[in-house]
Amino acid sequence: VVTKYISEINFVSASRQGDIIELGITATEFGRTSITLTCEVRNKITRKSILTVEKMVFVNLGEDGLPAPHGRTEIRYVKDQFKDDEAVQ
């Protein structure tokens, strides 16, 4: 997977040394070979937004280096994957 595009980074507020921050990423669009995400970094305690990235596009590449289908159509959480793996066993 390679990065095709990242929109501007919008610095909403400052963080200070010692702040505990969290990074939230949400899938907003699934293409045949690409996935589009949005991102927000915020202060974990106050929930105040520190920065946002409106759009990040990643493209799956095949072994030949050309865009290749990734087979994803929806978000799949790791915790759910573990449940699916346990059900198969």
PDB file of N, CA and C in Angstrom:
ATOM      1  N   VAL A   1       0.856  -1.172   0.000  1.00  0.00           N
ATOM      2  CA  VAL A   1       0.000   0.000   0.000  1.00  0.00           C
ATOM      3  C   VAL A   1       0.903   1.236   0.000  1.00  0.00           C
ATOM      4  N   VAL A   2       0.579   2.169  -0.871  1.00  0.00           N
ATOM      5  CA  VAL A   2       1.347   3.416  -0.948  1.00  0.00           C
ATOM      6  C   VAL A   2       0.422   4.607  -0.729  1.00  0.00           C
ATOM      7  N   THR A   3       0.997   5.701  -0.289  1.00  0.00           N
ATOM      8  CA  THR A   3       0.242   6.935  -0.102  1.00  0.00           C
ATOM      9  C   THR A   3       0.128   7.645  -1.438  1.00  0.00           C
ATOM     10  N   LYS A   4      -1.111   7.888  -1.873  1.00  0.00           N
ATOM     11  CA  LYS A   4      -1.328   8.612  -3.120  1.00  0.00           C
ATOM     12  C   LYS A   4      -1.539  10.102  -2.861  1.00  0.00           C
ATOM     13  N   TYR A   5      -2.243  10.419  -1.768  1.00  0.00           N
ATOM     14  CA  TYR A   5      -2.607  11.816  -1.527  1.00  0.00           C
ATOM     15  C   TYR A   5      -2.844  12.045  -0.045  1.00  0.00           C
ATOM     16  N   ILE A   6      -2.386  13.180   0.455  1.00  0.00           N
ATOM     17  CA  ILE A   6      -2.727  13.642   1.805  1.00  0.00           C
ATOM     18  C   ILE A   6      -3.076  15.119   1.689  1.00  0.00           C
ATOM     19  N   SER A   7      -4.276  15.481   2.150  1.00  0.00           N
ATOM     20  CA  SER A   7      -4.691  16.887   2.129  1.00  0.00           C
ATOM     21  C   SER A   7      -3.893  17.664   3.168  1.00  0.00           C
ATOM     22  N   GLU A   8      -4.179  18.942   3.257  1.00  0.00           N
ATOM     23  CA  GLU A   8      -3.464  19.775   4.223  1.00  0.00           C
ATOM     24  C   GLU A   8      -3.728  19.286   5.647  1.00  0.00           C
ATOM     25  N   ILE A   9      -2.756  19.558   6.504  1.00  0.00           N
ATOM     26  CA  ILE A   9      -2.895  19.274   7.929  1.00  0.00           C
ATOM     27  C   ILE A   9      -3.380  20.562   8.574  1.00  0.00           C
ATOM     28  N   ASN A  10      -4.532  20.489   9.221  1.00  0.00           N
ATOM     29  CA  ASN A  10      -5.138  21.664   9.842  1.00  0.00           C
ATOM     30  C   ASN A  10      -4.814  21.646  11.339  1.00  0.00           C
ATOM     31  N   PHE A  11      -3.896  22.512  11.751  1.00  0.00           N
ATOM     32  CA  PHE A  11      -3.543  22.603  13.167  1.00  0.00           C
ATOM     33  C   PHE A  11      -4.588  23.461  13.869  1.00  0.00           C
ATOM     34  N   VAL A  12      -5.407  22.821  14.690  1.00  0.00           N
ATOM     35  CA  VAL A  12      -6.537  23.472  15.343  1.00  0.00           C
ATOM     36  C   VAL A  12      -6.118  24.129  16.653  1.00  0.00           C
ATOM     37  N   SER A  13      -5.296  23.448  17.428  1.00  0.00           N
ATOM     38  CA  SER A  13      -4.818  23.989  18.701  1.00  0.00           C
ATOM     39  C   SER A  13      -3.457  23.378  19.004  1.00  0.00           C
ATOM     40  N   ALA A  14      -2.795  23.925  19.995  1.00  0.00           N
ATOM     41  CA  ALA A  14      -1.456  23.454  20.356  1.00  0.00           C
ATOM     42  C   ALA A  14      -1.533  22.365  21.417  1.00  0.00           C
ATOM     43  N   SER A  15      -0.568  21.487  21.378  1.00  0.00           N
ATOM     44  CA  SER A  15      -0.402  20.535  22.475  1.00  0.00           C
ATOM     45  C   SER A  15       0.878  20.921  23.207  1.00  0.00           C
ATOM     46  N   ARG A  16       0.985  20.454  24.424  1.00  0.00           N
ATOM     47  CA  ARG A  16       2.157  20.780  25.231  1.00  0.00           C
ATOM     48  C   ARG A  16       2.873  19.493  25.619  1.00  0.00           C
ATOM     49  N   GLN A  17       4.158  19.624  25.903  1.00  0.00           N
ATOM     50  CA  GLN A  17       4.917  18.469  26.347  1.00  0.00           C
ATOM     51  C   GLN A  17       4.222  17.868  27.564  1.00  0.00           C
ATOM     52  N   GLY A  18       4.043  16.565  27.553  1.00  0.00           N
ATOM     53  CA  GLY A  18       3.380  15.871  28.647  1.00  0.00           C
ATOM     54  C   GLY A  18       1.913  15.581  28.391  1.00  0.00           C
ATOM     55  N   ASP A  19       1.316  16.244  27.383  1.00  0.00           N
ATOM     56  CA  ASP A  19      -0.080  15.951  27.033  1.00  0.00           C
ATOM     57  C   ASP A  19      -0.203  14.510  26.548  1.00  0.00           C
ATOM     58  N   ILE A  20      -1.288  13.885  26.891  1.00  0.00           N
ATOM     59  CA  ILE A  20      -1.600  12.554  26.369  1.00  0.00           C
ATOM     60  C   ILE A  20      -2.528  12.771  25.186  1.00  0.00           C
ATOM     61  N   ILE A  21      -2.113  12.282  24.030  1.00  0.00           N
ATOM     62  CA  ILE A  21      -2.916  12.494  22.827  1.00  0.00           C
ATOM     63  C   ILE A  21      -3.392  11.159  22.268  1.00  0.00           C
ATOM     64  N   GLU A  22      -4.428  11.226  21.467  1.00  0.00           N
ATOM     65  CA  GLU A  22      -4.919  10.034  20.784  1.00  0.00           C
ATOM     66  C   GLU A  22      -5.120  10.361  19.315  1.00  0.00           C
ATOM     67  N   LEU A  23      -4.961   9.344  18.499  1.00  0.00           N
ATOM     68  CA  LEU A  23      -5.070   9.475  17.056  1.00  0.00           C
ATOM     69  C   LEU A  23      -6.276   8.666  16.604  1.00  0.00           C
ATOM     70  N   GLY A  24      -7.202   9.333  15.934  1.00  0.00           N
ATOM     71  CA  GLY A  24      -8.381   8.648  15.414  1.00  0.00           C
ATOM     72  C   GLY A  24      -8.366   8.667  13.898  1.00  0.00           C
ATOM     73  N   ILE A  25      -8.527   7.503  13.302  1.00  0.00           N
ATOM     74  CA  ILE A  25      -8.560   7.388  11.843  1.00  0.00           C
ATOM     75  C   ILE A  25      -9.848   6.677  11.464  1.00  0.00           C
ATOM     76  N   THR A  26     -10.563   7.239  10.488  1.00  0.00           N
ATOM     77  CA  THR A  26     -11.823   6.662  10.029  1.00  0.00           C
ATOM     78  C   THR A  26     -11.770   6.452   8.528  1.00  0.00           C
ATOM     79  N   ALA A  27     -12.175   5.268   8.089  1.00  0.00           N
ATOM     80  CA  ALA A  27     -12.287   5.004   6.654  1.00  0.00           C
ATOM     81  C   ALA A  27     -13.564   5.673   6.160  1.00  0.00           C
ATOM     82  N   THR A  28     -13.445   6.480   5.117  1.00  0.00           N
ATOM     83  CA  THR A  28     -14.606   7.202   4.592  1.00  0.00           C
ATOM     84  C   THR A  28     -15.040   6.710   3.220  1.00  0.00           C
ATOM     85  N   GLU A  29     -14.152   6.015   2.521  1.00  0.00           N
ATOM     86  CA  GLU A  29     -14.504   5.533   1.184  1.00  0.00           C
ATOM     87  C   GLU A  29     -13.621   4.342   0.814  1.00  0.00           C
ATOM     88  N   PHE A  30     -14.244   3.336   0.213  1.00  0.00           N
ATOM     89  CA  PHE A  30     -13.517   2.174  -0.279  1.00  0.00           C
ATOM     90  C   PHE A  30     -13.634   2.135  -1.792  1.00  0.00           C
ATOM     91  N   GLY A  31     -12.514   2.279  -2.478  1.00  0.00           N
ATOM     92  CA  GLY A  31     -12.482   2.116  -3.923  1.00  0.00           C
ATOM     93  C   GLY A  31     -12.046   0.692  -4.243  1.00  0.00           C
ATOM     94  N   ARG A  32     -11.936   0.381  -5.508  1.00  0.00           N
ATOM     95  CA  ARG A  32     -11.517  -0.965  -5.909  1.00  0.00           C
ATOM     96  C   ARG A  32     -10.061  -1.228  -5.518  1.00  0.00           C
ATOM     97  N   THR A  33      -9.197  -0.227  -5.716  1.00  0.00           N
ATOM     98  CA  THR A  33      -7.781  -0.372  -5.389  1.00  0.00           C
ATOM     99  C   THR A  33      -7.329   0.589  -4.297  1.00  0.00           C
ATOM    100  N   SER A  34      -8.223   1.483  -3.865  1.00  0.00           N
ATOM    101  CA  SER A  34      -7.830   2.523  -2.907  1.00  0.00           C
ATOM    102  C   SER A  34      -8.745   2.544  -1.691  1.00  0.00           C
ATOM    103  N   ILE A  35      -8.255   3.210  -0.667  1.00  0.00           N
ATOM    104  CA  ILE A  35      -9.053   3.463   0.528  1.00  0.00           C
ATOM    105  C   ILE A  35      -8.784   4.909   0.946  1.00  0.00           C
ATOM    106  N   THR A  36      -9.846   5.608   1.329  1.00  0.00           N
ATOM    107  CA  THR A  36      -9.740   7.006   1.746  1.00  0.00           C
ATOM    108  C   THR A  36     -10.036   7.092   3.237  1.00  0.00           C
ATOM    109  N   LEU A  37      -9.191   7.814   3.948  1.00  0.00           N
ATOM    110  CA  LEU A  37      -9.309   7.946   5.396  1.00  0.00           C
ATOM    111  C   LEU A  37      -9.345   9.413   5.792  1.00  0.00           C
ATOM    112  N   THR A  38      -9.878   9.676   6.977  1.00  0.00           N
ATOM    113  CA  THR A  38      -9.791  10.985   7.612  1.00  0.00           C
ATOM    114  C   THR A  38      -9.130  10.769   8.973  1.00  0.00           C
ATOM    115  N   CYS A  39      -8.491  11.801   9.500  1.00  0.00           N
ATOM    116  CA  CYS A  39      -7.719  11.640  10.727  1.00  0.00           C
ATOM    117  C   CYS A  39      -7.926  12.835  11.655  1.00  0.00           C
ATOM    118  N   GLU A  40      -7.976  12.548  12.951  1.00  0.00           N
ATOM    119  CA  GLU A  40      -8.019  13.610  13.955  1.00  0.00           C
ATOM    120  C   GLU A  40      -7.107  13.222  15.111  1.00  0.00           C
ATOM    121  N   VAL A  41      -6.297  14.165  15.548  1.00  0.00           N
ATOM    122  CA  VAL A  41      -5.476  13.993  16.743  1.00  0.00           C
ATOM    123  C   VAL A  41      -6.061  14.919  17.794  1.00  0.00           C
ATOM    124  N   ARG A  42      -6.294  14.383  18.992  1.00  0.00           N
ATOM    125  CA  ARG A  42      -6.867  15.226  20.040  1.00  0.00           C
ATOM    126  C   ARG A  42      -6.272  14.893  21.399  1.00  0.00           C
ATOM    127  N   ASN A  43      -6.466  15.811  22.324  1.00  0.00           N
ATOM    128  CA  ASN A  43      -6.033  15.623  23.696  1.00  0.00           C
ATOM    129  C   ASN A  43      -6.944  14.575  24.323  1.00  0.00           C
ATOM    130  N   LYS A  44      -6.354  13.508  24.838  1.00  0.00           N
ATOM    131  CA  LYS A  44      -7.154  12.398  25.370  1.00  0.00           C
ATOM    132  C   LYS A  44      -7.956  12.797  26.607  1.00  0.00           C
ATOM    133  N   ILE A  45      -7.458  13.727  27.382  1.00  0.00           N
ATOM    134  CA  ILE A  45      -8.141  14.135  28.610  1.00  0.00           C
ATOM    135  C   ILE A  45      -9.249  15.148  28.317  1.00  0.00           C
ATOM    136  N   THR A  46      -8.918  16.212  27.592  1.00  0.00           N
ATOM    137  CA  THR A  46      -9.895  17.283  27.347  1.00  0.00           C
ATOM    138  C   THR A  46     -10.750  17.042  26.106  1.00  0.00           C
ATOM    139  N   ARG A  47     -10.320  16.113  25.252  1.00  0.00           N
ATOM    140  CA  ARG A  47     -10.985  15.809  23.969  1.00  0.00           C
ATOM    141  C   ARG A  47     -10.876  16.960  22.971  1.00  0.00           C
ATOM    142  N   LYS A  48     -10.059  17.954  23.273  1.00  0.00           N
ATOM    143  CA  LYS A  48      -9.882  19.100  22.383  1.00  0.00           C
ATOM    144  C   LYS A  48      -9.060  18.679  21.160  1.00  0.00           C
ATOM    145  N   SER A  49      -9.558  19.021  19.983  1.00  0.00           N
ATOM    146  CA  SER A  49      -8.882  18.678  18.736  1.00  0.00           C
ATOM    147  C   SER A  49      -7.567  19.438  18.618  1.00  0.00           C
ATOM    148  N   ILE A  50      -6.514  18.731  18.232  1.00  0.00           N
ATOM    149  CA  ILE A  50      -5.199  19.337  18.037  1.00  0.00           C
ATOM    150  C   ILE A  50      -4.929  19.536  16.551  1.00  0.00           C
ATOM    151  N   LEU A  51      -5.210  18.516  15.761  1.00  0.00           N
ATOM    152  CA  LEU A  51      -5.063  18.656  14.316  1.00  0.00           C
ATOM    153  C   LEU A  51      -5.998  17.698  13.604  1.00  0.00           C
ATOM    154  N   THR A  52      -6.300  18.033  12.357  1.00  0.00           N
ATOM    155  CA  THR A  52      -7.123  17.168  11.517  1.00  0.00           C
ATOM    156  C   THR A  52      -6.485  17.056  10.137  1.00  0.00           C
ATOM    157  N   VAL A  53      -6.722  15.922   9.517  1.00  0.00           N
ATOM    158  CA  VAL A  53      -6.361  15.706   8.119  1.00  0.00           C
ATOM    159  C   VAL A  53      -7.650  15.243   7.452  1.00  0.00           C
ATOM    160  N   GLU A  54      -8.168  16.063   6.558  1.00  0.00           N
ATOM    161  CA  GLU A  54      -9.475  15.800   5.949  1.00  0.00           C
ATOM    162  C   GLU A  54      -9.474  14.574   5.052  1.00  0.00           C
ATOM    163  N   LYS A  55      -8.370  14.344   4.339  1.00  0.00           N
ATOM    164  CA  LYS A  55      -8.381  13.258   3.358  1.00  0.00           C
ATOM    165  C   LYS A  55      -6.983  12.673   3.169  1.00  0.00           C
ATOM    166  N   MET A  56      -6.908  11.339   3.304  1.00  0.00           N
ATOM    167  CA  MET A  56      -5.692  10.589   2.999  1.00  0.00           C
ATOM    168  C   MET A  56      -6.109   9.433   2.101  1.00  0.00           C
ATOM    169  N   VAL A  57      -5.455   9.296   0.967  1.00  0.00           N
ATOM    170  CA  VAL A  57      -5.791   8.228   0.024  1.00  0.00           C
ATOM    171  C   VAL A  57      -4.594   7.292  -0.100  1.00  0.00           C
ATOM    172  N   PHE A  58      -4.856   6.007   0.092  1.00  0.00           N
ATOM    173  CA  PHE A  58      -3.834   4.977  -0.048  1.00  0.00           C
ATOM    174  C   PHE A  58      -4.254   4.023  -1.155  1.00  0.00           C
ATOM    175  N   VAL A  59      -3.282   3.550  -1.932  1.00  0.00           N
ATOM    176  CA  VAL A  59      -3.562   2.650  -3.049  1.00  0.00           C
ATOM    177  C   VAL A  59      -2.798   1.349  -2.845  1.00  0.00           C
ATOM    178  N   ASN A  60      -3.498   0.236  -3.032  1.00  0.00           N
ATOM    179  CA  ASN A  60      -2.889  -1.080  -2.961  1.00  0.00           C
ATOM    180  C   ASN A  60      -2.171  -1.367  -4.278  1.00  0.00           C
ATOM    181  N   LEU A  61      -0.942  -1.853  -4.194  1.00  0.00           N
ATOM    182  CA  LEU A  61      -0.188  -2.205  -5.392  1.00  0.00           C
ATOM    183  C   LEU A  61       0.058  -3.701  -5.440  1.00  0.00           C
ATOM    184  N   GLY A  62       0.014  -4.246  -6.649  1.00  0.00           N
ATOM    185  CA  GLY A  62       0.345  -5.647  -6.849  1.00  0.00           C
ATOM    186  C   GLY A  62       1.853  -5.818  -6.928  1.00  0.00           C
ATOM    187  N   GLU A  63       2.291  -7.062  -7.103  1.00  0.00           N
ATOM    188  CA  GLU A  63       3.724  -7.339  -7.189  1.00  0.00           C
ATOM    189  C   GLU A  63       4.375  -6.650  -8.379  1.00  0.00           C
ATOM    190  N   ASP A  64       3.585  -6.329  -9.406  1.00  0.00           N
ATOM    191  CA  ASP A  64       4.111  -5.639 -10.589  1.00  0.00           C
ATOM    192  C   ASP A  64       4.198  -4.123 -10.392  1.00  0.00           C
ATOM    193  N   GLY A  65       3.790  -3.645  -9.207  1.00  0.00           N
ATOM    194  CA  GLY A  65       3.858  -2.221  -8.913  1.00  0.00           C
ATOM    195  C   GLY A  65       2.681  -1.415  -9.424  1.00  0.00           C
ATOM    196  N   LEU A  66       1.691  -2.085  -9.993  1.00  0.00           N
ATOM    197  CA  LEU A  66       0.500  -1.409 -10.508  1.00  0.00           C
ATOM    198  C   LEU A  66      -0.647  -1.524  -9.514  1.00  0.00           C
ATOM    199  N   PRO A  67      -1.600  -0.574  -9.546  1.00  0.00           N
ATOM    200  CA  PRO A  67      -2.753  -0.667  -8.647  1.00  0.00           C
ATOM    201  C   PRO A  67      -3.454  -2.015  -8.795  1.00  0.00           C
ATOM    202  N   ALA A  68      -3.785  -2.612  -7.659  1.00  0.00           N
ATOM    203  CA  ALA A  68      -4.424  -3.928  -7.642  1.00  0.00           C
ATOM    204  C   ALA A  68      -5.574  -3.911  -6.644  1.00  0.00           C
ATOM    205  N   PRO A  69      -6.649  -4.653  -6.925  1.00  0.00           N
ATOM    206  CA  PRO A  69      -7.780  -4.696  -5.993  1.00  0.00           C
ATOM    207  C   PRO A  69      -7.331  -5.151  -4.603  1.00  0.00           C
ATOM    208  N   HIS A  70      -7.894  -4.509  -3.586  1.00  0.00           N
ATOM    209  CA  HIS A  70      -7.555  -4.874  -2.208  1.00  0.00           C
ATOM    210  C   HIS A  70      -8.607  -5.772  -1.577  1.00  0.00           C
ATOM    211  N   GLY A  71      -9.783  -5.861  -2.168  1.00  0.00           N
ATOM    212  CA  GLY A  71     -10.810  -6.771  -1.667  1.00  0.00           C
ATOM    213  C   GLY A  71     -11.579  -6.282  -0.454  1.00  0.00           C
ATOM    214  N   ARG A  72     -11.387  -5.069  -0.030  1.00  0.00           N
ATOM    215  CA  ARG A  72     -12.095  -4.539   1.143  1.00  0.00           C
ATOM    216  C   ARG A  72     -13.284  -3.696   0.700  1.00  0.00           C
ATOM    217  N   THR A  73     -14.383  -3.831   1.424  1.00  0.00           N
ATOM    218  CA  THR A  73     -15.576  -3.038   1.125  1.00  0.00           C
ATOM    219  C   THR A  73     -16.130  -2.353   2.365  1.00  0.00           C
ATOM    220  N   GLU A  74     -15.568  -2.683   3.533  1.00  0.00           N
ATOM    221  CA  GLU A  74     -16.035  -2.088   4.782  1.00  0.00           C
ATOM    222  C   GLU A  74     -14.934  -2.173   5.828  1.00  0.00           C
ATOM    223  N   ILE A  75     -15.115  -1.427   6.892  1.00  0.00           N
ATOM    224  CA  ILE A  75     -14.157  -1.446   7.990  1.00  0.00           C
ATOM    225  C   ILE A  75     -14.230  -2.798   8.679  1.00  0.00           C
ATOM    226  N   ARG A  76     -13.064  -3.352   8.981  1.00  0.00           N
ATOM    227  CA  ARG A  76     -13.005  -4.596   9.743  1.00  0.00           C
ATOM    228  C   ARG A  76     -12.064  -4.354  10.916  1.00  0.00           C
ATOM    229  N   TYR A  77     -12.613  -4.461  12.116  1.00  0.00           N
ATOM    230  CA  TYR A  77     -11.841  -4.189  13.316  1.00  0.00           C
ATOM    231  C   TYR A  77     -11.068  -5.431  13.743  1.00  0.00           C
ATOM    232  N   VAL A  78      -9.886  -5.233  14.303  1.00  0.00           N
ATOM    233  CA  VAL A  78      -9.045  -6.340  14.734  1.00  0.00           C
ATOM    234  C   VAL A  78      -9.787  -7.212  15.735  1.00  0.00           C
ATOM    235  N   LYS A  79     -10.510  -6.600  16.665  1.00  0.00           N
ATOM    236  CA  LYS A  79     -11.238  -7.382  17.677  1.00  0.00           C
ATOM    237  C   LYS A  79     -12.245  -8.322  17.026  1.00  0.00           C
ATOM    238  N   ASP A  80     -12.871  -7.894  15.929  1.00  0.00           N
ATOM    239  CA  ASP A  80     -13.816  -8.750  15.220  1.00  0.00           C
ATOM    240  C   ASP A  80     -13.097  -9.852  14.459  1.00  0.00           C
ATOM    241  N   GLN A  81     -11.909  -9.569  13.958  1.00  0.00           N
ATOM    242  CA  GLN A  81     -11.136 -10.575  13.245  1.00  0.00           C
ATOM    243  C   GLN A  81     -10.780 -11.717  14.186  1.00  0.00           C
ATOM    244  N   PHE A  82     -10.416 -11.391  15.429  1.00  0.00           N
ATOM    245  CA  PHE A  82     -10.097 -12.423  16.402  1.00  0.00           C
ATOM    246  C   PHE A  82     -11.315 -13.300  16.674  1.00  0.00           C
ATOM    247  N   LYS A  83     -12.500 -12.707  16.738  1.00  0.00           N
ATOM    248  CA  LYS A  83     -13.728 -13.477  16.949  1.00  0.00           C
ATOM    249  C   LYS A  83     -13.961 -14.429  15.787  1.00  0.00           C
ATOM    250  N   ASP A  84     -13.758 -13.945  14.555  1.00  0.00           N
ATOM    251  CA  ASP A  84     -13.933 -14.784  13.369  1.00  0.00           C
ATOM    252  C   ASP A  84     -12.940 -15.936  13.363  1.00  0.00           C
ATOM    253  N   ASP A  85     -11.692 -15.668  13.745  1.00  0.00           N
ATOM    254  CA  ASP A  85     -10.662 -16.705  13.786  1.00  0.00           C
ATOM    255  C   ASP A  85     -11.009 -17.776  14.813  1.00  0.00           C
ATOM    256  N   GLU A  86     -11.552 -17.372  15.963  1.00  0.00           N
ATOM    257  CA  GLU A  86     -11.931 -18.327  17.000  1.00  0.00           C
ATOM    258  C   GLU A  86     -13.098 -19.188  16.546  1.00  0.00           C
ATOM    259  N   ALA A  87     -14.035 -18.622  15.802  1.00  0.00           N
ATOM    260  CA  ALA A  87     -15.201 -19.362  15.324  1.00  0.00           C
ATOM    261  C   ALA A  87     -14.801 -20.448  14.336  1.00  0.00           C
ATOM    262  N   VAL A  88     -13.745 -20.215  13.568  1.00  0.00           N
ATOM    263  CA  VAL A  88     -13.288 -21.186  12.571  1.00  0.00           C
ATOM    264  C   VAL A  88     -12.652 -22.382  13.248  1.00  0.00           C
ATOM    265  N   GLN A  89     -12.000 -22.166  14.375  1.00  0.00           N
ATOM    266  CA  GLN A  89     -11.289 -23.249  15.068  1.00  0.00           C
ATOM    267  C   GLN A  89     -12.253 -24.129  15.728  1.00  0.00           C
TER     268      GLN A  89
END
